[in-house]
């Protein structure tokens, strides 16, 4: 199928997923890399309180806080 045909199907609201091979798809700059960070206990307790309040894992809180700080810095 040519790109114009696929574009038309998409623009017409058709489901085009059957035409896509997503087996090797990835999101640039979104790959995960594990890092270890040591926090003081008081910080862990505060992170856990906030995570519990929001009903999310501690790791999610850390990611959000770091992302917010990085966005403000740039």
C-alpha atoms as a PDB file:
ATOM      1  CA  UNK A   1       0.000   0.000   0.000  1.00  0.00           C
ATOM      2  CA  UNK A   2       1.276   3.455  -0.851  1.00  0.00           C
ATOM      3  CA  UNK A   3       1.640   6.159   1.777  1.00  0.00           C
ATOM      4  CA  UNK A   4      -1.118   8.279   0.221  1.00  0.00           C
ATOM      5  CA  UNK A   5      -3.565   5.381   0.468  1.00  0.00           C
ATOM      6  CA  UNK A   6      -2.649   4.818   4.117  1.00  0.00           C
ATOM      7  CA  UNK A   7      -2.971   8.541   4.841  1.00  0.00           C
ATOM      8  CA  UNK A   8      -6.440   8.575   3.264  1.00  0.00           C
ATOM      9  CA  UNK A   9      -7.581   5.594   5.323  1.00  0.00           C
ATOM     10  CA  UNK A  10      -6.280   7.278   8.479  1.00  0.00           C
ATOM     11  CA  UNK A  11      -7.861  10.615   7.589  1.00  0.00           C
ATOM     12  CA  UNK A  12     -11.163   8.839   6.916  1.00  0.00           C
ATOM     13  CA  UNK A  13     -11.064   7.403  10.424  1.00  0.00           C
ATOM     14  CA  UNK A  14     -10.360   3.811   9.410  1.00  0.00           C
ATOM     15  CA  UNK A  15      -8.418   1.506  11.732  1.00  0.00           C
ATOM     16  CA  UNK A  16      -4.991   1.259  10.094  1.00  0.00           C
ATOM     17  CA  UNK A  17      -3.294  -0.854  12.754  1.00  0.00           C
ATOM     18  CA  UNK A  18      -3.523  -3.983  10.617  1.00  0.00           C
ATOM     19  CA  UNK A  19      -1.224  -2.261   8.106  1.00  0.00           C
ATOM     20  CA  UNK A  20       1.446  -1.414  10.687  1.00  0.00           C
ATOM     21  CA  UNK A  21       4.329  -3.555  11.929  1.00  0.00           C
ATOM     22  CA  UNK A  22       4.922  -2.347  15.464  1.00  0.00           C
ATOM     23  CA  UNK A  23       7.096  -5.271  16.568  1.00  0.00           C
ATOM     24  CA  UNK A  24      10.226  -3.088  16.480  1.00  0.00           C
ATOM     25  CA  UNK A  25       8.597   0.237  17.296  1.00  0.00           C
ATOM     26  CA  UNK A  26      10.085   2.360  20.067  1.00  0.00           C
ATOM     27  CA  UNK A  27       9.683   5.823  21.466  1.00  0.00           C
ATOM     28  CA  UNK A  28      12.901   7.825  21.054  1.00  0.00           C
ATOM     29  CA  UNK A  29      14.353   9.095  24.326  1.00  0.00           C
ATOM     30  CA  UNK A  30      11.763   7.046  26.266  1.00  0.00           C
ATOM     31  CA  UNK A  31      13.816   3.904  26.800  1.00  0.00           C
ATOM     32  CA  UNK A  32      14.186   2.949  30.442  1.00  0.00           C
ATOM     33  CA  UNK A  33      17.506   2.725  32.255  1.00  0.00           C
ATOM     34  CA  UNK A  34      17.748   1.587  35.842  1.00  0.00           C
ATOM     35  CA  UNK A  35      19.656   3.804  38.264  1.00  0.00           C
ATOM     36  CA  UNK A  36      20.260   3.490  41.978  1.00  0.00           C
ATOM     37  CA  UNK A  37      19.850   6.506  44.211  1.00  0.00           C
ATOM     38  CA  UNK A  38      20.385   6.631  47.960  1.00  0.00           C
ATOM     39  CA  UNK A  39      17.957   8.856  49.890  1.00  0.00           C
ATOM     40  CA  UNK A  40      18.007   9.765  53.571  1.00  0.00           C
ATOM     41  CA  UNK A  41      15.299   8.013  55.601  1.00  0.00           C
ATOM     42  CA  UNK A  42      13.314  11.190  56.226  1.00  0.00           C
ATOM     43  CA  UNK A  43      13.031  11.670  52.452  1.00  0.00           C
ATOM     44  CA  UNK A  44      11.856   8.091  51.943  1.00  0.00           C
ATOM     45  CA  UNK A  45       9.175   8.601  54.598  1.00  0.00           C
ATOM     46  CA  UNK A  46       7.969  11.786  52.927  1.00  0.00           C
ATOM     47  CA  UNK A  47       7.963  10.146  49.501  1.00  0.00           C
ATOM     48  CA  UNK A  48       5.997   7.200  50.893  1.00  0.00           C
ATOM     49  CA  UNK A  49       3.428   9.506  52.525  1.00  0.00           C
ATOM     50  CA  UNK A  50       2.891  11.365  49.268  1.00  0.00           C
ATOM     51  CA  UNK A  51       2.743   8.135  47.259  1.00  0.00           C
ATOM     52  CA  UNK A  52       0.162   6.695  49.652  1.00  0.00           C
ATOM     53  CA  UNK A  53      -1.905   9.895  49.524  1.00  0.00           C
ATOM     54  CA  UNK A  54      -1.995   9.720  45.719  1.00  0.00           C
ATOM     55  CA  UNK A  55      -2.303   5.932  45.552  1.00  0.00           C
ATOM     56  CA  UNK A  56       0.765   5.435  43.379  1.00  0.00           C
ATOM     57  CA  UNK A  57       4.125   3.689  43.869  1.00  0.00           C
ATOM     58  CA  UNK A  58       7.074   5.589  45.342  1.00  0.00           C
ATOM     59  CA  UNK A  59       8.916   5.290  42.020  1.00  0.00           C
ATOM     60  CA  UNK A  60       6.149   7.231  40.271  1.00  0.00           C
ATOM     61  CA  UNK A  61       6.419  10.108  42.731  1.00  0.00           C
ATOM     62  CA  UNK A  62      10.176  10.267  42.266  1.00  0.00           C
ATOM     63  CA  UNK A  63       9.834  10.304  38.477  1.00  0.00           C
ATOM     64  CA  UNK A  64       7.232  13.087  38.579  1.00  0.00           C
ATOM     65  CA  UNK A  65       9.276  15.226  40.979  1.00  0.00           C
ATOM     66  CA  UNK A  66      12.464  14.845  38.950  1.00  0.00           C
ATOM     67  CA  UNK A  67      10.643  15.536  35.657  1.00  0.00           C
ATOM     68  CA  UNK A  68       9.040  18.696  37.087  1.00  0.00           C
ATOM     69  CA  UNK A  69      12.390  19.980  38.323  1.00  0.00           C
ATOM     70  CA  UNK A  70      14.090  19.274  34.994  1.00  0.00           C
ATOM     71  CA  UNK A  71      11.339  21.054  33.043  1.00  0.00           C
ATOM     72  CA  UNK A  72      11.641  24.122  35.252  1.00  0.00           C
ATOM     73  CA  UNK A  73      15.415  24.127  34.857  1.00  0.00           C
ATOM     74  CA  UNK A  74      15.333  24.160  31.064  1.00  0.00           C
END
